[in-house]
Amino acid sequence: MTVNIDHPFNASADQLWDILGTPDRVDWVPGVNHCLLEGDVRSLNLPGAGDIKERILLLSDERRVIEYSCFEAPGTLQSHHASMEVRPTASGCRLLWRAEVTPVELEDFIRASMAACSGRMDVRAMRSASPAKCPPDSRSATTRPASSAPRPRTMPNPSRTAPSSTVQATSDRRM
């Protein structure tokens, strides 16, 4: 089952990417107040789902794309792969968010969660206040510091298999 969101924003692509391109930023996820980011693994408690772990598979500042996969969750989740891409438009930007999830019974929950997140991103993208991030004591040294600092990246792990055949090979660094 695939859920696609194509959501317009009245903010610039850079403003929205500052939110989405920061893996330890969680203020746009309803009900999530903190996370733990260790290397390429983000752990958080998602309302309605419980404690989950996601692996950041790709983070491209140049293309404004993040790909991630939930690999640990309570309940019936069998597989999950998602990508978010921010594209500039004449009036702001668009978020193209795609989630491939099984089983199909999770579709309503996934669709509602993605819609709620998109709504919160609208508000956050227009704010000028500092973003809420993981508390400093729970952040890994590999996470991005302040939004004005360059984003650290890790090189691809050659022992990890490719996340999906639908992912195109690029020169972007895989986490």
C-alpha atoms as a PDB file:
ATOM      1  CA  MET A   1       0.000   0.000   0.000  1.00  0.00           C
ATOM      2  CA  THR A   2       1.308   3.438  -0.929  1.00  0.00           C
ATOM      3  CA  VAL A   3       0.208   6.777   0.490  1.00  0.00           C
ATOM      4  CA  ASN A   4       1.143   9.923  -1.438  1.00  0.00           C
ATOM      5  CA  ILE A   5       0.860  13.473  -0.128  1.00  0.00           C
ATOM      6  CA  ASP A   6       1.381  16.452  -2.428  1.00  0.00           C
ATOM      7  CA  HIS A   7       1.051  19.478  -0.155  1.00  0.00           C
ATOM      8  CA  PRO A   8       1.647  23.127  -1.175  1.00  0.00           C
ATOM      9  CA  PHE A   9       3.295  25.550   1.264  1.00  0.00           C
ATOM     10  CA  ASN A  10       3.439  29.352   1.277  1.00  0.00           C
ATOM     11  CA  ALA A  11       6.986  29.119   2.608  1.00  0.00           C
ATOM     12  CA  SER A  12      10.196  28.846   0.637  1.00  0.00           C
ATOM     13  CA  ALA A  13      11.700  25.455  -0.117  1.00  0.00           C
ATOM     14  CA  ASP A  14      14.647  26.383   2.120  1.00  0.00           C
ATOM     15  CA  GLN A  15      12.325  27.186   5.045  1.00  0.00           C
ATOM     16  CA  LEU A  16      10.552  23.835   4.764  1.00  0.00           C
ATOM     17  CA  TRP A  17      13.817  21.957   4.190  1.00  0.00           C
ATOM     18  CA  ASP A  18      15.220  23.479   7.387  1.00  0.00           C
ATOM     19  CA  ILE A  19      12.456  21.530   9.145  1.00  0.00           C
ATOM     20  CA  LEU A  20      12.501  18.252   7.238  1.00  0.00           C
ATOM     21  CA  GLY A  21      16.227  18.103   6.537  1.00  0.00           C
ATOM     22  CA  THR A  22      16.981  18.098  10.257  1.00  0.00           C
ATOM     23  CA  PRO A  23      16.430  14.476  11.364  1.00  0.00           C
ATOM     24  CA  ASP A  24      16.400  15.336  15.058  1.00  0.00           C
ATOM     25  CA  ARG A  25      13.700  17.994  14.689  1.00  0.00           C
ATOM     26  CA  VAL A  26      10.316  16.658  15.830  1.00  0.00           C
ATOM     27  CA  ASP A  27       8.092  19.679  16.500  1.00  0.00           C
ATOM     28  CA  TRP A  28       6.185  19.006  13.270  1.00  0.00           C
ATOM     29  CA  VAL A  29       5.039  15.541  14.382  1.00  0.00           C
ATOM     30  CA  PRO A  30       1.813  15.813  16.442  1.00  0.00           C
ATOM     31  CA  GLY A  31       2.222  14.429  19.954  1.00  0.00           C
ATOM     32  CA  VAL A  32       5.980  13.864  19.697  1.00  0.00           C
ATOM     33  CA  ASN A  33       7.987  16.018  22.078  1.00  0.00           C
ATOM     34  CA  HIS A  34      11.450  14.488  21.782  1.00  0.00           C
ATOM     35  CA  CYS A  35      13.514  11.880  19.999  1.00  0.00           C
ATOM     36  CA  LEU A  36      16.828  10.138  20.312  1.00  0.00           C
ATOM     37  CA  LEU A  37      19.130  10.280  17.294  1.00  0.00           C
ATOM     38  CA  GLU A  38      22.058   7.881  17.299  1.00  0.00           C
ATOM     39  CA  GLY A  39      23.970   7.812  14.027  1.00  0.00           C
ATOM     40  CA  ASP A  40      21.374   7.065  11.363  1.00  0.00           C
ATOM     41  CA  VAL A  41      18.699   5.754  13.795  1.00  0.00           C
ATOM     42  CA  ARG A  42      15.935   8.003  15.122  1.00  0.00           C
ATOM     43  CA  SER A  43      13.893   6.684  18.070  1.00  0.00           C
ATOM     44  CA  LEU A  44      10.650   8.291  19.183  1.00  0.00           C
ATOM     45  CA  ASN A  45       7.248   7.586  20.693  1.00  0.00           C
ATOM     46  CA  LEU A  46       4.585   8.129  18.047  1.00  0.00           C
ATOM     47  CA  PRO A  47       1.036   8.559  19.417  1.00  0.00           C
ATOM     48  CA  GLY A  48      -1.137   5.718  18.196  1.00  0.00           C
ATOM     49  CA  ALA A  49       1.874   3.608  17.247  1.00  0.00           C
ATOM     50  CA  GLY A  50       4.109   3.528  20.340  1.00  0.00           C
ATOM     51  CA  ASP A  51       7.901   3.395  20.474  1.00  0.00           C
ATOM     52  CA  ILE A  52       9.378   3.215  16.989  1.00  0.00           C
ATOM     53  CA  LYS A  53      12.811   3.294  15.382  1.00  0.00           C
ATOM     54  CA  GLU A  54      13.493   4.723  11.954  1.00  0.00           C
ATOM     55  CA  ARG A  55      16.668   4.482   9.918  1.00  0.00           C
ATOM     56  CA  ILE A  56      17.600   7.549   7.880  1.00  0.00           C
ATOM     57  CA  LEU A  57      18.552   6.080   4.512  1.00  0.00           C
ATOM     58  CA  LEU A  58      19.271   9.226   2.507  1.00  0.00           C
ATOM     59  CA  LEU A  59      19.580  12.901   3.359  1.00  0.00           C
ATOM     60  CA  SER A  60      20.314  15.173   0.397  1.00  0.00           C
ATOM     61  CA  ASP A  61      20.517  18.918   0.979  1.00  0.00           C
ATOM     62  CA  GLU A  62      21.108  19.504  -2.716  1.00  0.00           C
ATOM     63  CA  ARG A  63      17.935  17.669  -3.791  1.00  0.00           C
ATOM     64  CA  ARG A  64      16.033  18.431  -0.535  1.00  0.00           C
ATOM     65  CA  VAL A  65      15.193  14.737  -0.116  1.00  0.00           C
ATOM     66  CA  ILE A  66      15.075  12.530   2.957  1.00  0.00           C
ATOM     67  CA  GLU A  67      14.338   8.811   2.879  1.00  0.00           C
ATOM     68  CA  TYR A  68      13.717   6.747   5.963  1.00  0.00           C
ATOM     69  CA  SER A  69      12.390   3.363   6.990  1.00  0.00           C
ATOM     70  CA  CYS A  70      10.685   2.287  10.191  1.00  0.00           C
ATOM     71  CA  PHE A  71      12.368  -0.969  11.179  1.00  0.00           C
ATOM     72  CA  GLU A  72      11.071  -1.399  14.729  1.00  0.00           C
ATOM     73  CA  ALA A  73       7.497  -0.814  15.891  1.00  0.00           C
ATOM     74  CA  PRO A  74       4.929  -2.544  18.064  1.00  0.00           C
ATOM     75  CA  GLY A  75       1.884  -4.011  16.359  1.00  0.00           C
ATOM     76  CA  THR A  76       1.375  -5.269  12.847  1.00  0.00           C
ATOM     77  CA  LEU A  77       3.836  -3.184  10.796  1.00  0.00           C
ATOM     78  CA  GLN A  78       5.604  -5.484   8.336  1.00  0.00           C
ATOM     79  CA  SER A  79       7.454  -2.999   6.142  1.00  0.00           C
ATOM     80  CA  HIS A  80       7.827   0.752   5.779  1.00  0.00           C
ATOM     81  CA  HIS A  81       9.791   2.968   3.405  1.00  0.00           C
ATOM     82  CA  ALA A  82       9.138   6.697   3.038  1.00  0.00           C
ATOM     83  CA  SER A  83      10.591   9.611   1.117  1.00  0.00           C
ATOM     84  CA  MET A  84      10.011  13.334   1.425  1.00  0.00           C
ATOM     85  CA  GLU A  85      11.028  15.798  -1.262  1.00  0.00           C
ATOM     86  CA  VAL A  86      10.695  19.576  -1.119  1.00  0.00           C
ATOM     87  CA  ARG A  87      10.328  21.303  -4.495  1.00  0.00           C
ATOM     88  CA  PRO A  88      10.310  25.070  -5.022  1.00  0.00           C
ATOM     89  CA  THR A  89       7.302  26.626  -6.777  1.00  0.00           C
ATOM     90  CA  ALA A  90       6.436  30.147  -7.914  1.00  0.00           C
ATOM     91  CA  SER A  91       4.345  30.710  -4.769  1.00  0.00           C
ATOM     92  CA  GLY A  92       6.503  28.824  -2.236  1.00  0.00           C
ATOM     93  CA  CYS A  93       7.109  25.088  -2.352  1.00  0.00           C
ATOM     94  CA  ARG A  94       5.509  21.639  -2.444  1.00  0.00           C
ATOM     95  CA  LEU A  95       6.112  18.619  -0.273  1.00  0.00           C
ATOM     96  CA  LEU A  96       5.980  15.298  -2.100  1.00  0.00           C
ATOM     97  CA  TRP A  97       5.740  12.637   0.621  1.00  0.00           C
ATOM     98  CA  ARG A  98       5.434   8.976  -0.248  1.00  0.00           C
ATOM     99  CA  ALA A  99       5.103   6.096   2.204  1.00  0.00           C
ATOM    100  CA  GLU A 100       5.044   2.453   1.205  1.00  0.00           C
ATOM    101  CA  VAL A 101       3.668   0.394   4.085  1.00  0.00           C
ATOM    102  CA  THR A 102       2.357  -3.091   4.737  1.00  0.00           C
ATOM    103  CA  PRO A 103      -0.087  -4.324   5.830  1.00  0.00           C
ATOM    104  CA  VAL A 104      -2.802  -2.361   4.018  1.00  0.00           C
ATOM    105  CA  GLU A 105      -4.809  -2.136   7.272  1.00  0.00           C
ATOM    106  CA  LEU A 106      -2.434   0.631   8.374  1.00  0.00           C
ATOM    107  CA  GLU A 107      -3.406   2.908   5.459  1.00  0.00           C
ATOM    108  CA  ASP A 108      -5.938   5.037   7.366  1.00  0.00           C
ATOM    109  CA  PHE A 109      -3.529   5.560  10.285  1.00  0.00           C
ATOM    110  CA  ILE A 110      -0.594   6.407   7.983  1.00  0.00           C
ATOM    111  CA  ARG A 111      -2.662   8.780   5.819  1.00  0.00           C
ATOM    112  CA  ALA A 112      -4.092  10.598   8.893  1.00  0.00           C
ATOM    113  CA  SER A 113      -0.628  10.881  10.476  1.00  0.00           C
ATOM    114  CA  MET A 114       0.916  12.282   7.294  1.00  0.00           C
ATOM    115  CA  ALA A 115      -1.920  14.812   6.886  1.00  0.00           C
ATOM    116  CA  ALA A 116      -1.577  15.975  10.511  1.00  0.00           C
ATOM    117  CA  CYS A 117       2.191  16.353  10.107  1.00  0.00           C
ATOM    118  CA  SER A 118       1.742  18.372   6.903  1.00  0.00           C
ATOM    119  CA  GLY A 119      -0.604  20.742   8.724  1.00  0.00           C
ATOM    120  CA  ARG A 120       1.892  21.299  11.532  1.00  0.00           C
ATOM    121  CA  MET A 121       4.692  21.883   9.012  1.00  0.00           C
ATOM    122  CA  ASP A 122       2.627  24.744   7.519  1.00  0.00           C
ATOM    123  CA  VAL A 123       2.770  26.573  10.824  1.00  0.00           C
ATOM    124  CA  ARG A 124       6.412  25.770  11.571  1.00  0.00           C
ATOM    125  CA  ALA A 125       7.681  26.735   8.105  1.00  0.00           C
ATOM    126  CA  MET A 126       6.307  30.243   8.538  1.00  0.00           C
ATOM    127  CA  ARG A 127       7.646  30.777  12.055  1.00  0.00           C
ATOM    128  CA  SER A 128      10.834  32.659  12.637  1.00  0.00           C
ATOM    129  CA  ALA A 129      11.413  31.135  16.085  1.00  0.00           C
ATOM    130  CA  SER A 130      14.138  28.574  16.731  1.00  0.00           C
ATOM    131  CA  PRO A 131      13.106  25.003  16.005  1.00  0.00           C
ATOM    132  CA  ALA A 132      12.467  22.498  18.776  1.00  0.00           C
ATOM    133  CA  LYS A 133      14.911  19.628  18.563  1.00  0.00           C
ATOM    134  CA  CYS A 134      15.935  16.612  20.538  1.00  0.00           C
ATOM    135  CA  PRO A 135      17.235  17.644  23.964  1.00  0.00           C
ATOM    136  CA  PRO A 136      21.041  18.135  23.845  1.00  0.00           C
ATOM    137  CA  ASP A 137      21.651  15.252  26.244  1.00  0.00           C
ATOM    138  CA  SER A 138      19.876  12.799  23.934  1.00  0.00           C
ATOM    139  CA  ARG A 139      21.490  13.855  20.668  1.00  0.00           C
ATOM    140  CA  SER A 140      24.247  12.014  18.936  1.00  0.00           C
ATOM    141  CA  ALA A 141      27.433  13.856  18.051  1.00  0.00           C
ATOM    142  CA  THR A 142      26.646  13.214  14.373  1.00  0.00           C
ATOM    143  CA  THR A 143      23.488  15.319  14.339  1.00  0.00           C
ATOM    144  CA  ARG A 144      23.383  18.743  12.822  1.00  0.00           C
ATOM    145  CA  PRO A 145      24.026  21.546  15.288  1.00  0.00           C
ATOM    146  CA  ALA A 146      22.402  24.959  14.781  1.00  0.00           C
ATOM    147  CA  SER A 147      20.567  25.485  11.497  1.00  0.00           C
ATOM    148  CA  SER A 148      23.272  27.866  10.269  1.00  0.00           C
ATOM    149  CA  ALA A 149      26.023  25.249  10.692  1.00  0.00           C
ATOM    150  CA  PRO A 150      26.848  22.765   7.927  1.00  0.00           C
ATOM    151  CA  ARG A 151      25.141  19.394   8.198  1.00  0.00           C
ATOM    152  CA  PRO A 152      27.437  16.511   9.003  1.00  0.00           C
ATOM    153  CA  ARG A 153      26.930  13.372   6.952  1.00  0.00           C
ATOM    154  CA  THR A 154      28.198   9.851   7.167  1.00  0.00           C
ATOM    155  CA  MET A 155      29.383   7.866   4.209  1.00  0.00           C
ATOM    156  CA  PRO A 156      27.386   4.918   2.882  1.00  0.00           C
ATOM    157  CA  ASN A 157      27.679   1.655   4.745  1.00  0.00           C
ATOM    158  CA  PRO A 158      28.846  -0.804   2.070  1.00  0.00           C
ATOM    159  CA  SER A 159      27.506  -3.757   4.049  1.00  0.00           C
ATOM    160  CA  ARG A 160      23.939  -2.385   4.003  1.00  0.00           C
ATOM    161  CA  THR A 161      21.742  -3.438   1.102  1.00  0.00           C
ATOM    162  CA  ALA A 162      19.925  -0.843  -0.949  1.00  0.00           C
ATOM    163  CA  PRO A 163      16.624   0.189   0.637  1.00  0.00           C
ATOM    164  CA  SER A 164      14.395  -0.416  -2.372  1.00  0.00           C
ATOM    165  CA  SER A 165      14.518  -0.975  -6.082  1.00  0.00           C
ATOM    166  CA  THR A 166      12.400   2.182  -6.514  1.00  0.00           C
ATOM    167  CA  VAL A 167      15.207   4.335  -5.128  1.00  0.00           C
ATOM    168  CA  GLN A 168      17.364   5.762  -7.874  1.00  0.00           C
ATOM    169  CA  ALA A 169      21.116   5.648  -7.454  1.00  0.00           C
ATOM    170  CA  THR A 170      22.502   9.141  -6.947  1.00  0.00           C
ATOM    171  CA  SER A 171      25.709  10.741  -5.836  1.00  0.00           C
ATOM    172  CA  ASP A 172      24.065  11.750  -2.562  1.00  0.00           C
ATOM    173  CA  ARG A 173      25.494  10.298   0.581  1.00  0.00           C
ATOM    174  CA  ARG A 174      23.502   7.553   2.154  1.00  0.00           C
ATOM    175  CA  MET A 175      23.364   7.521   5.903  1.00  0.00           C
END
